[in-house]
Amino acid sequence: MRTTFDFSPYRRSTVGFDRFFELLENSARAETADGYPPFDIERESEDSYQITLAVAGFRPDEIEVVAQNNQLTITGRKADEKDSGRYLHRGIATRAFERRFQLADFVQVQTANFENGLLRIALKREVPEAMKPRRIAINGAPHTARDERLEAPAEERRAA
């Protein structure tokens, strides 16, 4: 069974959407990859979001959060610990991880908080005033005698 979608017919008939198709292809590949650590994405309001990652077993200083070029990267690396054989079973994952999230234009990382094994990252979309839509007033020229003459019936124009 084929799990990827072929975008080549759409690539041929569109201009300027290369990055969009690359994002779709990358997200399809990422979904089939390792699902560690698990995460939630919440929409808190029209322009506010929160990503929550379950990173039990990690300390805040072992996690790095980097936002660059519309991409959020969260990396976790455990400090080397000697396993002196004291564990009979190790069920809490401590392997290194890297999670990437594509951010839409104008989405900025606000805060990152670590509490009870959960990393919460607050995001907010802030569109600059210059990019927001604005209404443009249409200026109309005042009526002149010439304009009124053109709007008059043809008989009146001949008499004038």
C-alpha atoms as a PDB file:
ATOM      1  CA  MET A   1       0.000   0.000   0.000  1.00  0.00           C
ATOM      2  CA  ARG A   2       1.324   3.415  -0.946  1.00  0.00           C
ATOM      3  CA  THR A   3       1.399   5.950   1.866  1.00  0.00           C
ATOM      4  CA  THR A   4       2.681   9.012  -0.002  1.00  0.00           C
ATOM      5  CA  PHE A   5       0.802  11.324  -2.298  1.00  0.00           C
ATOM      6  CA  ASP A   6       2.293  12.332  -5.647  1.00  0.00           C
ATOM      7  CA  PHE A   7       2.230  16.138  -6.009  1.00  0.00           C
ATOM      8  CA  SER A   8       3.988  16.229  -9.396  1.00  0.00           C
ATOM      9  CA  PRO A   9       0.806  16.972 -11.457  1.00  0.00           C
ATOM     10  CA  TYR A  10       0.118  19.953  -9.199  1.00  0.00           C
ATOM     11  CA  ARG A  11       3.721  21.150  -9.296  1.00  0.00           C
ATOM     12  CA  ARG A  12       3.526  21.409 -13.089  1.00  0.00           C
ATOM     13  CA  SER A  13       0.409  23.572 -13.040  1.00  0.00           C
ATOM     14  CA  THR A  14       1.237  25.949 -10.190  1.00  0.00           C
ATOM     15  CA  VAL A  15       3.755  28.711  -9.776  1.00  0.00           C
ATOM     16  CA  GLY A  16       5.180  29.799  -6.437  1.00  0.00           C
ATOM     17  CA  PHE A  17       3.816  26.924  -4.351  1.00  0.00           C
ATOM     18  CA  ASP A  18       7.061  24.913  -4.134  1.00  0.00           C
ATOM     19  CA  ARG A  19       7.503  25.559  -0.421  1.00  0.00           C
ATOM     20  CA  PHE A  20       3.898  24.550   0.248  1.00  0.00           C
ATOM     21  CA  PHE A  21       4.332  21.170  -1.449  1.00  0.00           C
ATOM     22  CA  GLU A  22       7.627  20.587   0.386  1.00  0.00           C
ATOM     23  CA  LEU A  23       5.874  21.248   3.706  1.00  0.00           C
ATOM     24  CA  LEU A  24       3.160  18.723   2.843  1.00  0.00           C
ATOM     25  CA  GLU A  25       5.699  16.089   1.822  1.00  0.00           C
ATOM     26  CA  ASN A  26       7.820  16.679   4.948  1.00  0.00           C
ATOM     27  CA  SER A  27       4.810  16.461   7.254  1.00  0.00           C
ATOM     28  CA  ALA A  28       3.759  13.181   5.626  1.00  0.00           C
ATOM     29  CA  ARG A  29       7.258  11.793   6.257  1.00  0.00           C
ATOM     30  CA  ALA A  30       7.260  13.064   9.846  1.00  0.00           C
ATOM     31  CA  GLU A  31       3.977  11.308  10.641  1.00  0.00           C
ATOM     32  CA  THR A  32       5.480   7.944   9.778  1.00  0.00           C
ATOM     33  CA  ALA A  33       8.549   8.635  11.943  1.00  0.00           C
ATOM     34  CA  ASP A  34       8.983   7.886  15.621  1.00  0.00           C
ATOM     35  CA  GLY A  35       6.169   9.327  17.747  1.00  0.00           C
ATOM     36  CA  TYR A  36       8.409  10.158  20.694  1.00  0.00           C
ATOM     37  CA  PRO A  37       7.833  12.258  22.679  1.00  0.00           C
ATOM     38  CA  PRO A  38       4.041  12.463  22.492  1.00  0.00           C
ATOM     39  CA  PHE A  39       2.578  15.951  22.174  1.00  0.00           C
ATOM     40  CA  ASP A  40      -0.655  17.945  22.050  1.00  0.00           C
ATOM     41  CA  ILE A  41      -1.392  21.109  20.086  1.00  0.00           C
ATOM     42  CA  GLU A  42      -4.137  23.294  21.543  1.00  0.00           C
ATOM     43  CA  ARG A  43      -5.846  26.355  20.122  1.00  0.00           C
ATOM     44  CA  GLU A  44      -6.462  28.678  23.030  1.00  0.00           C
ATOM     45  CA  SER A  45      -7.952  31.577  21.068  1.00  0.00           C
ATOM     46  CA  GLU A  46      -8.090  32.935  17.531  1.00  0.00           C
ATOM     47  CA  ASP A  47      -4.379  33.796  17.541  1.00  0.00           C
ATOM     48  CA  SER A  48      -2.982  31.816  20.511  1.00  0.00           C
ATOM     49  CA  TYR A  49      -1.774  28.225  20.541  1.00  0.00           C
ATOM     50  CA  GLN A  50       0.006  25.905  22.967  1.00  0.00           C
ATOM     51  CA  ILE A  51       2.173  22.867  22.284  1.00  0.00           C
ATOM     52  CA  THR A  52       2.553  20.421  25.183  1.00  0.00           C
ATOM     53  CA  LEU A  53       5.214  17.703  25.070  1.00  0.00           C
ATOM     54  CA  ALA A  54       5.385  14.825  27.548  1.00  0.00           C
ATOM     55  CA  VAL A  55       9.092  14.741  28.440  1.00  0.00           C
ATOM     56  CA  ALA A  56       9.113  12.699  31.642  1.00  0.00           C
ATOM     57  CA  GLY A  57      12.601  11.793  32.776  1.00  0.00           C
ATOM     58  CA  PHE A  58      14.196  14.996  31.417  1.00  0.00           C
ATOM     59  CA  ARG A  59      15.246  18.078  33.342  1.00  0.00           C
ATOM     60  CA  PRO A  60      14.733  21.586  31.888  1.00  0.00           C
ATOM     61  CA  ASP A  61      18.481  21.979  31.326  1.00  0.00           C
ATOM     62  CA  GLU A  62      18.479  18.852  29.097  1.00  0.00           C
ATOM     63  CA  ILE A  63      15.913  20.324  26.706  1.00  0.00           C
ATOM     64  CA  GLU A  64      16.572  22.986  24.073  1.00  0.00           C
ATOM     65  CA  VAL A  65      13.841  24.984  22.322  1.00  0.00           C
ATOM     66  CA  VAL A  66      14.866  26.898  19.168  1.00  0.00           C
ATOM     67  CA  ALA A  67      12.620  28.985  16.893  1.00  0.00           C
ATOM     68  CA  GLN A  68      14.133  29.915  13.522  1.00  0.00           C
ATOM     69  CA  ASN A  69      12.736  30.596  10.039  1.00  0.00           C
ATOM     70  CA  ASN A  70       9.132  29.546  10.775  1.00  0.00           C
ATOM     71  CA  GLN A  71      10.304  26.320  12.389  1.00  0.00           C
ATOM     72  CA  LEU A  72      10.241  25.336  16.040  1.00  0.00           C
ATOM     73  CA  THR A  73      12.734  22.639  17.054  1.00  0.00           C
ATOM     74  CA  ILE A  74      12.671  20.943  20.447  1.00  0.00           C
ATOM     75  CA  THR A  75      15.647  18.763  21.287  1.00  0.00           C
ATOM     76  CA  GLY A  76      16.220  16.609  24.375  1.00  0.00           C
ATOM     77  CA  ARG A  77      19.476  14.946  25.368  1.00  0.00           C
ATOM     78  CA  LYS A  78      20.030  13.173  28.675  1.00  0.00           C
ATOM     79  CA  ALA A  79      23.291  13.666  30.450  1.00  0.00           C
ATOM     80  CA  ASP A  80      25.355  10.487  30.460  1.00  0.00           C
ATOM     81  CA  GLU A  81      24.567   8.490  33.551  1.00  0.00           C
ATOM     82  CA  LYS A  82      26.269   5.330  34.622  1.00  0.00           C
ATOM     83  CA  ASP A  83      23.766   2.515  34.929  1.00  0.00           C
ATOM     84  CA  SER A  84      25.198   0.670  37.874  1.00  0.00           C
ATOM     85  CA  GLY A  85      22.693  -2.138  37.461  1.00  0.00           C
ATOM     86  CA  ARG A  86      20.317  -0.797  40.029  1.00  0.00           C
ATOM     87  CA  TYR A  87      17.386  -0.762  37.581  1.00  0.00           C
ATOM     88  CA  LEU A  88      15.493  -4.020  37.157  1.00  0.00           C
ATOM     89  CA  HIS A  89      13.169  -2.409  34.606  1.00  0.00           C
ATOM     90  CA  ARG A  90      13.555   0.934  32.870  1.00  0.00           C
ATOM     91  CA  GLY A  91      10.182   2.047  31.428  1.00  0.00           C
ATOM     92  CA  ILE A  92      10.664   5.808  31.430  1.00  0.00           C
ATOM     93  CA  ALA A  93      12.217   6.699  28.090  1.00  0.00           C
ATOM     94  CA  THR A  94      15.432   8.664  28.326  1.00  0.00           C
ATOM     95  CA  ARG A  95      16.562   8.451  24.714  1.00  0.00           C
ATOM     96  CA  ALA A  96      17.468  11.608  22.839  1.00  0.00           C
ATOM     97  CA  PHE A  97      14.749  13.181  20.709  1.00  0.00           C
ATOM     98  CA  GLU A  98      14.120  15.991  18.269  1.00  0.00           C
ATOM     99  CA  ARG A  99      10.657  17.312  17.390  1.00  0.00           C
ATOM    100  CA  ARG A 100      10.095  19.874  14.634  1.00  0.00           C
ATOM    101  CA  PHE A 101       7.000  22.006  14.093  1.00  0.00           C
ATOM    102  CA  GLN A 102       6.407  24.228  11.064  1.00  0.00           C
ATOM    103  CA  LEU A 103       5.034  27.591  12.165  1.00  0.00           C
ATOM    104  CA  ALA A 104       2.818  29.761  10.002  1.00  0.00           C
ATOM    105  CA  ASP A 105       3.931  33.252   9.065  1.00  0.00           C
ATOM    106  CA  PHE A 106       3.891  35.739  11.954  1.00  0.00           C
ATOM    107  CA  VAL A 107       3.588  33.007  14.640  1.00  0.00           C
ATOM    108  CA  GLN A 108       6.017  33.766  17.462  1.00  0.00           C
ATOM    109  CA  VAL A 109       7.051  31.716  20.492  1.00  0.00           C
ATOM    110  CA  GLN A 110       5.960  33.559  23.628  1.00  0.00           C
ATOM    111  CA  THR A 111       7.048  31.337  26.538  1.00  0.00           C
ATOM    112  CA  ALA A 112       8.257  27.839  27.384  1.00  0.00           C
ATOM    113  CA  ASN A 113       7.416  26.333  30.790  1.00  0.00           C
ATOM    114  CA  PHE A 114       8.443  22.991  32.275  1.00  0.00           C
ATOM    115  CA  GLU A 115       6.328  21.496  35.047  1.00  0.00           C
ATOM    116  CA  ASN A 116       5.519  17.939  36.176  1.00  0.00           C
ATOM    117  CA  GLY A 117       7.252  16.337  33.182  1.00  0.00           C
ATOM    118  CA  LEU A 118       5.355  18.461  30.643  1.00  0.00           C
ATOM    119  CA  LEU A 119       6.952  21.112  28.450  1.00  0.00           C
ATOM    120  CA  ARG A 120       4.424  23.779  27.463  1.00  0.00           C
ATOM    121  CA  ILE A 121       5.254  26.224  24.671  1.00  0.00           C
ATOM    122  CA  ALA A 122       2.922  29.196  24.139  1.00  0.00           C
ATOM    123  CA  LEU A 123       2.642  30.559  20.605  1.00  0.00           C
ATOM    124  CA  LYS A 124       0.916  33.678  19.327  1.00  0.00           C
ATOM    125  CA  ARG A 125       0.226  34.969  15.832  1.00  0.00           C
ATOM    126  CA  GLU A 126       1.022  38.686  15.626  1.00  0.00           C
ATOM    127  CA  VAL A 127       0.380  40.147  12.189  1.00  0.00           C
ATOM    128  CA  PRO A 128       2.208  43.486  11.736  1.00  0.00           C
ATOM    129  CA  GLU A 129      -0.007  46.505  11.176  1.00  0.00           C
ATOM    130  CA  ALA A 130       1.497  46.980   7.707  1.00  0.00           C
ATOM    131  CA  MET A 131       0.302  43.479   6.724  1.00  0.00           C
ATOM    132  CA  LYS A 132      -3.247  43.759   8.080  1.00  0.00           C
ATOM    133  CA  PRO A 133      -5.995  44.528   5.576  1.00  0.00           C
ATOM    134  CA  ARG A 134      -7.144  48.123   5.547  1.00  0.00           C
ATOM    135  CA  ARG A 135     -10.052  49.831   3.850  1.00  0.00           C
ATOM    136  CA  ILE A 136      -9.152  52.341   1.169  1.00  0.00           C
ATOM    137  CA  ALA A 137     -11.487  55.299   0.738  1.00  0.00           C
ATOM    138  CA  ILE A 138     -12.496  56.020  -2.835  1.00  0.00           C
ATOM    139  CA  ASN A 139     -12.186  59.690  -3.637  1.00  0.00           C
ATOM    140  CA  GLY A 140     -14.813  60.978  -6.046  1.00  0.00           C
ATOM    141  CA  ALA A 141     -14.393  64.092  -8.134  1.00  0.00           C
ATOM    142  CA  PRO A 142     -17.128  66.703  -7.548  1.00  0.00           C
ATOM    143  CA  HIS A 143     -19.718  67.069 -10.301  1.00  0.00           C
ATOM    144  CA  THR A 144     -18.835  69.709 -12.847  1.00  0.00           C
ATOM    145  CA  ALA A 145     -21.036  71.402 -15.377  1.00  0.00           C
ATOM    146  CA  ARG A 146     -19.476  69.243 -18.094  1.00  0.00           C
ATOM    147  CA  ASP A 147     -20.439  66.034 -16.192  1.00  0.00           C
ATOM    148  CA  GLU A 148     -24.049  67.213 -15.838  1.00  0.00           C
ATOM    149  CA  ARG A 149     -24.202  67.996 -19.526  1.00  0.00           C
ATOM    150  CA  LEU A 150     -23.049  64.443 -20.392  1.00  0.00           C
ATOM    151  CA  GLU A 151     -25.708  62.954 -18.126  1.00  0.00           C
ATOM    152  CA  ALA A 152     -28.491  65.031 -19.713  1.00  0.00           C
ATOM    153  CA  PRO A 153     -30.677  63.520 -22.470  1.00  0.00           C
ATOM    154  CA  ALA A 154     -29.350  63.815 -26.028  1.00  0.00           C
ATOM    155  CA  GLU A 155     -31.946  66.515 -27.032  1.00  0.00           C
ATOM    156  CA  GLU A 156     -30.806  68.834 -24.236  1.00  0.00           C
ATOM    157  CA  ARG A 157     -27.147  68.337 -25.187  1.00  0.00           C
ATOM    158  CA  ARG A 158     -27.842  69.389 -28.797  1.00  0.00           C
ATOM    159  CA  ALA A 159     -29.662  72.513 -27.642  1.00  0.00           C
ATOM    160  CA  ALA A 160     -26.824  73.552 -25.372  1.00  0.00           C
END
